[in-house]
C-alpha atoms as a PDB file:
ATOM      1  CA  MET A   1      55.117 136.539 127.039  1.00  0.00           C
ATOM      2  CA  PRO A   2      56.392 138.141 130.192  1.00  0.00           C
ATOM      3  CA  GLU A   3      58.785 140.999 129.754  1.00  0.00           C
ATOM      4  CA  ARG A   4      61.772 138.888 131.163  1.00  0.00           C
ATOM      5  CA  ASN A   5      61.283 136.187 128.391  1.00  0.00           C
ATOM      6  CA  VAL A   6      61.393 138.820 125.798  1.00  0.00           C
ATOM      7  CA  GLU A   7      64.676 140.126 127.094  1.00  0.00           C
ATOM      8  CA  LEU A   8      66.105 136.649 127.161  1.00  0.00           C
ATOM      9  CA  ALA A   9      65.032 136.002 123.678  1.00  0.00           C
ATOM     10  CA  ALA A  10      66.682 139.274 122.483  1.00  0.00           C
ATOM     11  CA  GLU A  11      69.913 138.216 124.380  1.00  0.00           C
ATOM     12  CA  PHE A  12      70.085 134.560 123.303  1.00  0.00           C
ATOM     13  CA  VAL A  13      68.735 134.394 119.807  1.00  0.00           C
ATOM     14  CA  PRO A  14      71.981 135.872 118.218  1.00  0.00           C
ATOM     15  CA  GLU A  15      74.073 133.259 120.225  1.00  0.00           C
ATOM     16  CA  ILE A  16      71.799 130.417 119.112  1.00  0.00           C
ATOM     17  CA  LEU A  17      71.804 131.626 115.446  1.00  0.00           C
ATOM     18  CA  GLU A  18      75.604 131.716 115.514  1.00  0.00           C
ATOM     19  CA  ARG A  19      75.874 128.127 117.023  1.00  0.00           C
ATOM     20  CA  GLU A  20      72.876 126.440 115.364  1.00  0.00           C
ATOM     21  CA  GLY A  21      72.179 128.397 112.181  1.00  0.00           C
ATOM     22  CA  GLU A  22      68.526 129.067 113.138  1.00  0.00           C
ATOM     23  CA  ALA A  23      66.551 129.873 116.195  1.00  0.00           C
ATOM     24  CA  TRP A  24      62.820 129.860 117.119  1.00  0.00           C
ATOM     25  CA  ALA A  25      61.401 132.853 119.074  1.00  0.00           C
ATOM     26  CA  ARG A  26      57.780 133.429 120.138  1.00  0.00           C
ATOM     27  CA  ALA A  27      55.995 136.574 118.994  1.00  0.00           C
ATOM     28  CA  ALA A  28      55.135 138.735 122.073  1.00  0.00           C
ATOM     29  CA  SER A  29      53.340 141.643 120.408  1.00  0.00           C
ATOM     30  CA  SER A  30      50.745 142.383 117.805  1.00  0.00           C
ATOM     31  CA  SER A  31      52.662 144.973 115.875  1.00  0.00           C
ATOM     32  CA  MET A  32      52.853 142.471 112.740  1.00  0.00           C
ATOM     33  CA  ALA A  33      49.102 141.502 113.140  1.00  0.00           C
ATOM     34  CA  PRO A  34      47.159 139.958 111.513  1.00  0.00           C
ATOM     35  CA  LEU A  35      49.915 137.927 109.814  1.00  0.00           C
ATOM     36  CA  ILE A  36      51.993 137.343 113.027  1.00  0.00           C
ATOM     37  CA  GLN A  37      50.014 137.100 116.161  1.00  0.00           C
ATOM     38  CA  VAL A  38      50.965 136.885 119.804  1.00  0.00           C
ATOM     39  CA  GLY A  39      52.021 133.223 120.576  1.00  0.00           C
ATOM     40  CA  ASP A  40      53.160 132.430 116.985  1.00  0.00           C
ATOM     41  CA  GLU A  41      56.667 130.868 116.757  1.00  0.00           C
ATOM     42  CA  LEU A  42      59.053 132.606 114.374  1.00  0.00           C
ATOM     43  CA  ARG A  43      62.039 130.756 112.809  1.00  0.00           C
ATOM     44  CA  VAL A  44      64.898 133.256 112.564  1.00  0.00           C
ATOM     45  CA  VAL A  45      68.064 132.689 110.399  1.00  0.00           C
ATOM     46  CA  PRO A  46      71.052 134.653 109.818  1.00  0.00           C
ATOM     47  CA  LEU A  47      70.767 137.589 107.430  1.00  0.00           C
ATOM     48  CA  ASP A  48      73.017 138.389 104.359  1.00  0.00           C
ATOM     49  CA  PRO A  49      72.553 142.147 104.053  1.00  0.00           C
ATOM     50  CA  ALA A  50      73.305 141.851 100.332  1.00  0.00           C
ATOM     51  CA  LEU A  51      70.158 139.877  99.965  1.00  0.00           C
ATOM     52  CA  VAL A  52      67.796 142.118 101.893  1.00  0.00           C
ATOM     53  CA  ARG A  53      64.714 143.112  99.858  1.00  0.00           C
ATOM     54  CA  ARG A  54      61.582 145.227 100.467  1.00  0.00           C
ATOM     55  CA  GLY A  55      58.856 143.155 102.126  1.00  0.00           C
ATOM     56  CA  MET A  56      61.194 140.773 103.988  1.00  0.00           C
ATOM     57  CA  ILE A  57      60.489 140.356 107.654  1.00  0.00           C
ATOM     58  CA  LEU A  58      63.481 141.016 109.874  1.00  0.00           C
ATOM     59  CA  ALA A  59      64.317 140.670 113.707  1.00  0.00           C
ATOM     60  CA  TYR A  60      66.372 143.416 115.246  1.00  0.00           C
ATOM     61  CA  ARG A  61      67.496 144.504 118.669  1.00  0.00           C
ATOM     62  CA  ASP A  62      65.787 147.421 120.341  1.00  0.00           C
ATOM     63  CA  GLU A  63      67.388 148.042 123.641  1.00  0.00           C
ATOM     64  CA  ARG A  64      66.442 144.748 125.523  1.00  0.00           C
ATOM     65  CA  ARG A  65      63.763 143.468 123.197  1.00  0.00           C
ATOM     66  CA  LEU A  66      63.789 141.686 119.862  1.00  0.00           C
ATOM     67  CA  ILE A  67      61.531 143.509 117.372  1.00  0.00           C
ATOM     68  CA  VAL A  68      60.045 141.707 114.239  1.00  0.00           C
ATOM     69  CA  HIS A  69      58.927 144.080 111.455  1.00  0.00           C
ATOM     70  CA  ARG A  70      58.826 144.314 107.651  1.00  0.00           C
ATOM     71  CA  VAL A  71      61.490 146.015 105.571  1.00  0.00           C
ATOM     72  CA  LEU A  72      60.221 149.051 103.659  1.00  0.00           C
ATOM     73  CA  ALA A  73      63.735 150.371 102.433  1.00  0.00           C
ATOM     74  CA  ASN A  74      67.378 149.409 102.797  1.00  0.00           C
ATOM     75  CA  GLY A  75      70.710 151.031 102.054  1.00  0.00           C
ATOM     76  CA  PRO A  76      74.307 151.129 103.164  1.00  0.00           C
ATOM     77  CA  GLN A  77      73.481 152.492 106.652  1.00  0.00           C
ATOM     78  CA  GLY A  78      70.769 149.918 107.431  1.00  0.00           C
ATOM     79  CA  VAL A  79      67.098 149.316 106.966  1.00  0.00           C
ATOM     80  CA  VAL A  80      63.813 151.166 107.467  1.00  0.00           C
ATOM     81  CA  THR A  81      61.148 148.765 108.898  1.00  0.00           C
ATOM     82  CA  LYS A  82      57.531 149.021 110.034  1.00  0.00           C
ATOM     83  CA  GLY A  83      55.079 146.698 111.905  1.00  0.00           C
ATOM     84  CA  ASP A  84      52.181 145.785 109.562  1.00  0.00           C
ATOM     85  CA  ALA A  85      49.804 146.891 112.306  1.00  0.00           C
ATOM     86  CA  LEU A  86      51.535 150.298 113.131  1.00  0.00           C
ATOM     87  CA  ALA A  87      50.889 153.654 111.450  1.00  0.00           C
ATOM     88  CA  LYS A  88      54.403 154.823 111.341  1.00  0.00           C
ATOM     89  CA  PRO A  89      57.732 153.264 110.164  1.00  0.00           C
ATOM     90  CA  ASP A  90      60.614 152.813 112.643  1.00  0.00           C
ATOM     91  CA  GLY A  91      63.637 154.932 112.380  1.00  0.00           C
ATOM     92  CA  LEU A  92      66.757 153.720 110.495  1.00  0.00           C
ATOM     93  CA  ILE A  93      67.887 150.483 111.933  1.00  0.00           C
ATOM     94  CA  GLY A  94      71.684 150.152 111.688  1.00  0.00           C
ATOM     95  CA  TRP A  95      73.003 146.756 110.220  1.00  0.00           C
ATOM     96  CA  ASP A  96      74.628 146.192 113.554  1.00  0.00           C
ATOM     97  CA  ARG A  97      71.285 145.909 115.347  1.00  0.00           C
ATOM     98  CA  ILE A  98      69.815 143.305 112.863  1.00  0.00           C
ATOM     99  CA  VAL A  99      69.650 139.844 114.335  1.00  0.00           C
ATOM    100  CA  GLY A 100      68.290 137.877 111.361  1.00  0.00           C
ATOM    101  CA  ARG A 101      65.420 137.325 109.095  1.00  0.00           C
ATOM    102  CA  ILE A 102      62.117 135.511 109.686  1.00  0.00           C
ATOM    103  CA  VAL A 103      61.678 132.528 107.233  1.00  0.00           C
ATOM    104  CA  ALA A 104      58.758 130.717 108.843  1.00  0.00           C
ATOM    105  CA  ILE A 105      55.730 131.326 111.015  1.00  0.00           C
ATOM    106  CA  ARG A 106      54.282 128.502 113.164  1.00  0.00           C
ATOM    107  CA  THR A 107      50.912 129.056 114.595  1.00  0.00           C
ATOM    108  CA  PRO A 108      49.774 127.703 118.033  1.00  0.00           C
ATOM    109  CA  SER A 109      47.575 125.117 115.857  1.00  0.00           C
ATOM    110  CA  GLY A 110      50.846 123.794 114.300  1.00  0.00           C
ATOM    111  CA  ARG A 111      50.363 125.311 110.866  1.00  0.00           C
ATOM    112  CA  THR A 112      53.686 126.392 109.424  1.00  0.00           C
ATOM    113  CA  MET A 113      54.042 129.171 106.873  1.00  0.00           C
ATOM    114  CA  GLU A 114      57.294 129.256 104.885  1.00  0.00           C
ATOM    115  CA  LEU A 115      58.065 132.824 103.862  1.00  0.00           C
ATOM    116  CA  ASP A 116      60.760 131.968 101.322  1.00  0.00           C
ATOM    117  CA  ARG A 117      58.563 129.763  99.048  1.00  0.00           C
ATOM    118  CA  PHE A 118      56.995 131.084  95.978  1.00  0.00           C
ATOM    119  CA  PRO A 119      54.820 133.110  95.647  1.00  0.00           C
ATOM    120  CA  ARG A 120      55.466 134.539  99.183  1.00  0.00           C
ATOM    121  CA  PRO A 121      58.461 136.722  98.420  1.00  0.00           C
ATOM    122  CA  LEU A 122      56.416 138.385  95.555  1.00  0.00           C
ATOM    123  CA  ILE A 123      53.365 138.801  97.855  1.00  0.00           C
ATOM    124  CA  ASP A 124      55.661 140.349 100.633  1.00  0.00           C
ATOM    125  CA  ARG A 125      57.036 142.952  98.090  1.00  0.00           C
ATOM    126  CA  ALA A 126      53.577 143.920  97.213  1.00  0.00           C
ATOM    127  CA  VAL A 127      52.534 144.198 100.864  1.00  0.00           C
ATOM    128  CA  SER A 128      55.576 146.398 101.445  1.00  0.00           C
ATOM    129  CA  VAL A 129      54.332 148.879  98.903  1.00  0.00           C
ATOM    130  CA  VAL A 130      51.010 149.187 100.807  1.00  0.00           C
ATOM    131  CA  ALA A 131      52.896 149.383 104.091  1.00  0.00           C
ATOM    132  CA  ARG A 132      54.719 152.533 102.877  1.00  0.00           C
ATOM    133  CA  LEU A 133      51.461 154.376 102.405  1.00  0.00           C
ATOM    134  CA  ALA A 134      50.409 156.788 105.110  1.00  0.00           C
ATOM    135  CA  PRO A 135      46.609 156.790 105.541  1.00  0.00           C
ATOM    136  CA  ARG A 136      45.388 160.314 106.571  1.00  0.00           C
ATOM    137  CA  ASN A 137      42.050 159.460 108.152  1.00  0.00           C
ATOM    138  CA  ALA A 138      40.137 156.485 109.921  1.00  0.00           C
ATOM    139  CA  LEU A 139      38.474 155.376 106.720  1.00  0.00           C
ATOM    140  CA  ALA A 140      41.852 155.468 104.728  1.00  0.00           C
ATOM    141  CA  TRP A 141      43.412 153.435 107.526  1.00  0.00           C
ATOM    142  CA  LYS A 142      40.702 150.752 107.330  1.00  0.00           C
ATOM    143  CA  ALA A 143      41.160 150.597 103.603  1.00  0.00           C
ATOM    144  CA  HIS A 144      44.985 150.313 104.055  1.00  0.00           C
ATOM    145  CA  ARG A 145      44.641 147.438 106.470  1.00  0.00           C
ATOM    146  CA  LEU A 146      42.440 145.392 104.126  1.00  0.00           C
ATOM    147  CA  PRO A 147      45.386 143.736 102.164  1.00  0.00           C
ATOM    148  CA  PHE A 148      47.038 142.693 105.394  1.00  0.00           C
ATOM    149  CA  HIS A 149      43.900 141.028 106.558  1.00  0.00           C
ATOM    150  CA  LEU A 150      43.369 139.365 103.244  1.00  0.00           C
ATOM    151  CA  LEU A 151      46.808 138.042 103.356  1.00  0.00           C
ATOM    152  CA  ALA A 152      46.481 136.708 106.780  1.00  0.00           C
ATOM    153  CA  LEU A 153      43.050 135.030 105.752  1.00  0.00           C
ATOM    154  CA  ILE A 154      44.705 133.273 102.806  1.00  0.00           C
ATOM    155  CA  THR A 155      47.929 132.204 104.575  1.00  0.00           C
ATOM    156  CA  ARG A 156      46.949 131.518 108.179  1.00  0.00           C
END
């Protein structure tokens, strides 16, 4: 997705959410690969901070972009997130920057994965435990990535 379209998504998704109750945005990076791939469409819905749990996938604003990452921890100040394909977590994301949560992923082939349906929330919590680990070498990094690839293989 060209950079300008990413900026537009970050600007308009909150407005569409407020008006329609949900919005679709297209993934423009591979930070959540292999589960979310470039070109996938993501259904974003408003977020109730009281219902945030580890493993949930959120969308937040970062300057002019919309970032989609997994929740590792949450508290009164905000959340700590991390892209599944990234080595380090994001800094603390304040609640005012959270746009919404991702409840569905639609692949270019038309397959839709509902993230709120059982057993998906349990799987996402388990994956968040793995995501919090910090592999120290290349072999450990490959072993760390295995659950993410298995999850994508099963669900995509």
